[in-house]
Protein backbone atom coordinates (compact mmCIF):
# COMPACT_ATOMS: atom_id res chain seq x y z
CA PHE A 1 -16.13 3.85 12.00
CA LYS A 2 -13.10 3.05 9.85
CA LEU A 3 -13.24 5.87 7.30
CA LYS A 4 -13.82 8.47 10.03
CA GLU A 5 -10.78 7.19 11.94
CA ILE A 6 -8.57 7.26 8.82
CA ASP A 7 -9.87 10.66 7.68
CA GLU A 8 -9.32 12.27 11.08
CA LYS A 9 -5.67 11.28 10.90
CA TYR A 10 -4.93 11.98 7.22
CA ASN A 11 -7.60 14.55 6.28
CA LEU A 12 -8.57 12.78 3.05
CA ILE A 13 -12.01 14.30 2.62
CA THR A 14 -11.77 18.03 2.04
CA GLU A 15 -14.18 20.74 0.99
CA ASN A 16 -14.73 21.12 -2.78
CA SER A 17 -13.20 17.70 -3.43
CA ASN A 18 -14.42 15.26 -6.07
CA ILE A 19 -14.71 11.73 -4.66
CA LEU A 20 -15.33 8.33 -6.25
CA ASP A 21 -16.64 5.63 -3.89
CA LEU A 22 -16.26 2.18 -5.49
CA GLY A 23 -18.29 -0.71 -4.10
CA SER A 24 -20.26 1.84 -2.11
CA ALA A 25 -23.28 -0.14 -0.85
CA PRO A 26 -24.75 0.09 1.75
CA GLY A 27 -23.44 3.67 1.71
CA GLY A 28 -21.62 4.31 4.97
CA TRP A 29 -18.50 5.85 3.44
CA SER A 30 -20.41 8.11 1.04
CA GLN A 31 -22.71 9.19 3.87
CA TYR A 32 -19.77 10.13 6.09
CA ALA A 33 -18.13 12.18 3.31
CA ALA A 34 -21.40 13.94 2.41
CA LYS A 35 -22.02 14.90 6.04
CA LYS A 36 -18.50 16.21 6.58
CA HIS A 37 -18.73 18.91 3.87
CA LYS A 38 -21.71 20.51 2.16
CA ILE A 39 -19.64 21.60 -0.85
CA ILE A 40 -18.39 18.27 -2.15
CA LYS A 41 -19.00 16.03 -5.15
CA ILE A 42 -19.43 12.31 -4.53
CA THR A 43 -20.10 9.59 -7.08
CA ALA A 44 -20.91 6.20 -5.58
CA ILE A 45 -20.72 3.01 -7.65
CA ASP A 46 -22.04 -0.44 -6.79
CA ILE A 47 -23.66 -3.30 -8.63
CA LEU A 48 -26.00 -3.61 -5.62
CA HIS A 49 -28.76 -1.10 -4.89
CA MET A 50 -27.96 1.71 -2.45
CA GLU A 51 -30.44 3.97 -0.71
CA SER A 52 -30.43 7.62 -1.77
CA ILE A 53 -28.02 9.89 0.15
CA HIS A 54 -28.15 13.68 -0.04
CA ASN A 55 -25.33 15.11 -2.15
CA VAL A 56 -24.32 11.68 -3.49
CA ASN A 57 -24.78 10.64 -7.12
CA PHE A 58 -25.32 6.86 -7.06
CA VAL A 59 -24.74 4.81 -10.21
CA GLN A 60 -25.80 1.16 -10.08
CA SER A 61 -23.15 -0.44 -12.23
CA ASP A 62 -20.26 -2.86 -12.41
CA ILE A 63 -17.07 -0.95 -11.56
CA GLU A 64 -15.23 -1.81 -14.79
CA GLU A 65 -18.25 -0.98 -16.94
CA PHE A 66 -18.68 2.36 -15.17
CA SER A 67 -15.02 3.20 -15.69
CA GLU A 68 -15.20 2.51 -19.42
CA ASN A 69 -18.31 4.67 -19.85
CA TYR A 70 -16.95 7.43 -17.60
CA LEU A 71 -13.70 7.70 -19.49
CA LYS A 72 -15.47 7.86 -22.87
CA ASN A 73 -16.48 11.37 -21.83
CA LYS A 74 -13.28 13.26 -22.61
CA ASN A 75 -14.43 16.21 -20.48
CA PHE A 76 -14.93 14.21 -17.28
CA ASP A 77 -13.93 15.91 -14.04
CA LYS A 78 -10.78 14.47 -12.57
CA ILE A 79 -11.12 12.82 -9.15
CA ASP A 80 -9.32 13.92 -5.96
CA LEU A 81 -9.93 10.74 -3.96
CA VAL A 82 -10.90 7.20 -4.95
CA MET A 83 -12.01 5.14 -1.96
CA SER A 84 -13.08 1.51 -1.84
CA ASP A 85 -14.22 -0.75 0.98
CA ILE A 86 -15.14 -3.54 -1.43
CA ALA A 87 -14.25 -7.16 -0.58
CA PRO A 88 -14.83 -10.54 -2.24
CA ASN A 89 -17.11 -13.22 -0.83
CA ILE A 90 -15.04 -14.76 1.95
CA SER A 91 -14.33 -18.49 1.91
CA GLY A 92 -12.20 -18.54 5.06
CA ILE A 93 -9.30 -20.01 3.08
CA ASP A 94 -6.41 -17.54 2.94
CA SER A 95 -4.93 -19.03 -0.24
CA ALA A 96 -8.20 -18.17 -2.01
CA ASP A 97 -9.33 -15.00 -0.20
CA VAL A 98 -6.08 -13.00 -0.46
CA PRO A 99 -5.69 -13.44 -4.27
CA ALA A 100 -9.40 -12.65 -4.74
CA MET A 101 -8.93 -9.45 -2.73
CA LEU A 102 -5.85 -8.48 -4.76
CA ASN A 103 -7.78 -9.06 -8.00
CA LEU A 104 -10.48 -6.67 -6.80
CA ALA A 105 -7.85 -4.16 -5.70
CA ASP A 106 -6.30 -4.36 -9.18
CA ILE A 107 -9.61 -3.23 -10.69
CA VAL A 108 -9.90 -0.37 -8.18
CA VAL A 109 -6.30 0.75 -8.83
CA GLU A 110 -6.85 0.66 -12.59
CA VAL A 111 -9.90 2.89 -12.22
CA ALA A 112 -8.03 5.18 -9.82
CA ILE A 113 -5.05 5.70 -12.12
CA SER A 114 -7.41 6.49 -15.01
CA THR A 115 -9.63 8.94 -13.13
CA LEU A 116 -7.48 10.62 -10.46
CA ARG A 117 -5.96 14.01 -10.99
CA GLU A 118 -2.19 14.28 -10.58
CA SER A 119 -1.38 14.19 -6.83
CA GLY A 120 -4.74 12.49 -6.12
CA SER A 121 -5.20 9.79 -3.46
CA LEU A 122 -6.47 6.22 -3.20
CA LEU A 123 -7.82 4.37 -0.17
CA VAL A 124 -8.51 0.67 -0.74
CA LYS A 125 -9.16 -2.38 1.43
CA LEU A 126 -6.72 -5.31 1.31
CA PHE A 127 -6.16 -8.56 3.20
CA GLN A 128 -2.80 -9.35 4.80
CA GLY A 129 -1.31 -12.44 3.21
CA LYS A 130 0.95 -13.82 0.52
CA GLY A 131 1.51 -11.26 -2.24
CA THR A 132 0.09 -8.25 -0.38
CA ASP A 133 3.44 -6.70 0.63
CA GLU A 134 4.77 -7.04 -2.93
CA TYR A 135 1.53 -5.58 -4.28
CA MET A 136 1.86 -2.48 -2.11
CA LYS A 137 5.52 -2.14 -3.05
CA ASP A 138 4.52 -2.11 -6.73
CA MET A 139 2.04 0.71 -6.01
CA ARG A 140 5.01 3.00 -5.33
CA ILE A 141 5.47 3.11 -9.10
CA TYR A 142 2.25 5.12 -9.29
CA PHE A 143 2.10 7.05 -5.99
CA ASP A 144 4.56 9.15 -3.99
CA LYS A 145 3.64 7.55 -0.68
CA VAL A 146 2.00 4.22 0.18
CA ARG A 147 0.90 3.52 3.76
CA VAL A 148 -0.56 0.47 5.49
CA ILE A 149 -3.38 1.30 7.91
CA LYS A 150 -4.96 -1.04 10.45
CA PRO A 151 -7.91 0.92 11.88
CA LYS A 152 -8.79 0.38 15.55
CA ALA A 153 -12.33 -0.32 14.33
CA SER A 154 -11.08 -3.48 12.59
CA ARG A 155 -11.09 -6.67 14.67
CA SER A 156 -7.61 -7.46 16.01
CA ASN A 157 -7.74 -10.99 14.56
CA SER A 158 -8.92 -9.79 11.15
CA ARG A 159 -6.59 -9.81 8.13
CA GLU A 160 -8.27 -6.60 6.94
CA ILE A 161 -5.97 -3.64 6.33
CA TYR A 162 -6.20 -0.52 4.19
CA MET A 163 -3.71 0.84 1.70
CA LEU A 164 -3.55 4.61 1.55
CA ALA A 165 -1.69 5.76 -1.56
CA THR A 166 -1.20 9.51 -1.89
CA GLY A 167 0.33 11.77 -4.53
CA LEU A 168 -0.45 10.15 -7.88
CA LYS A 169 2.60 10.71 -10.07
CA SER A 170 2.55 12.26 -13.54
CA LYS A 171 2.00 9.96 -16.51
CA SER A 172 5.57 10.48 -17.74
CA THR A 173 7.01 9.59 -14.32
CA ILE A 174 4.82 6.49 -14.06
CA GLN A 175 5.78 5.31 -17.54
CA GLY A 176 9.49 5.69 -16.79
CA GLN A 177 9.31 3.93 -13.43
CA TRP A 178 7.07 1.18 -14.78
CA TYR A 179 9.63 0.45 -17.52
CA GLU A 180 12.45 0.25 -14.96
CA TRP A 181 10.34 -2.03 -12.75
CA TYR A 182 9.45 -4.28 -15.69
CA VAL A 183 13.07 -4.62 -16.77
CA LYS A 184 14.20 -5.48 -13.24
CA LYS A 185 11.41 -7.99 -12.71
CA TYR A 186 11.07 -9.74 -16.07
CA VAL A 187 13.97 -9.00 -18.40
CA SER A 188 17.39 -10.68 -18.27
CA LEU A 189 20.01 -8.80 -20.29
CA ASP A 190 22.60 -10.73 -22.29
CA SER A 191 25.72 -8.55 -22.20
CA TYR A 192 27.39 -10.56 -24.94
CA SER A 193 24.77 -10.50 -27.64
CA GLY A 194 22.92 -7.36 -26.62
CA SER A 195 19.65 -9.29 -26.77
CA TYR A 196 17.21 -9.86 -23.95
CA TYR A 197 14.94 -12.63 -22.82
CA VAL A 198 11.54 -12.27 -21.14
């Protein structure tokens, strides 16, 4: 059981925590979290139907649509942990599957950054492949620590890994580091004219 293995090592799911489970169906991750602590708040989101689980608020919705509606409520409770085991339909072609997985992860990260409290954590599935290492490196703009986890429960020949990002940085820190990253990656300074080219 992948989440159990990860949680036992990193203690992600704690009493009184507020958890968002994205792509939750059929419900294994939410069920594990709900059983671990009685005093816990879990919101599970999936476009597919999920059977009712005690102590879990299930919302049948597209992830992006849910995020937009959730954030419209200015008094929403900030999240301690966003977790996602979601994956695209697999074609078996790495050049298609890895980018599709990264696109899904982008959506999850966007939701996480918008909903997590400062110092909150994110656990998201990824596939090893072209672009994944750079993607995780970029996540260090937003989080203090980014780890790669290959659970024992995953098949040894599977490209499946998990990214555990902990310690969401403050908005001001993120903005400053994002600007520095953008300049390094996309902007070439012209020392003679003082202009820049993107």
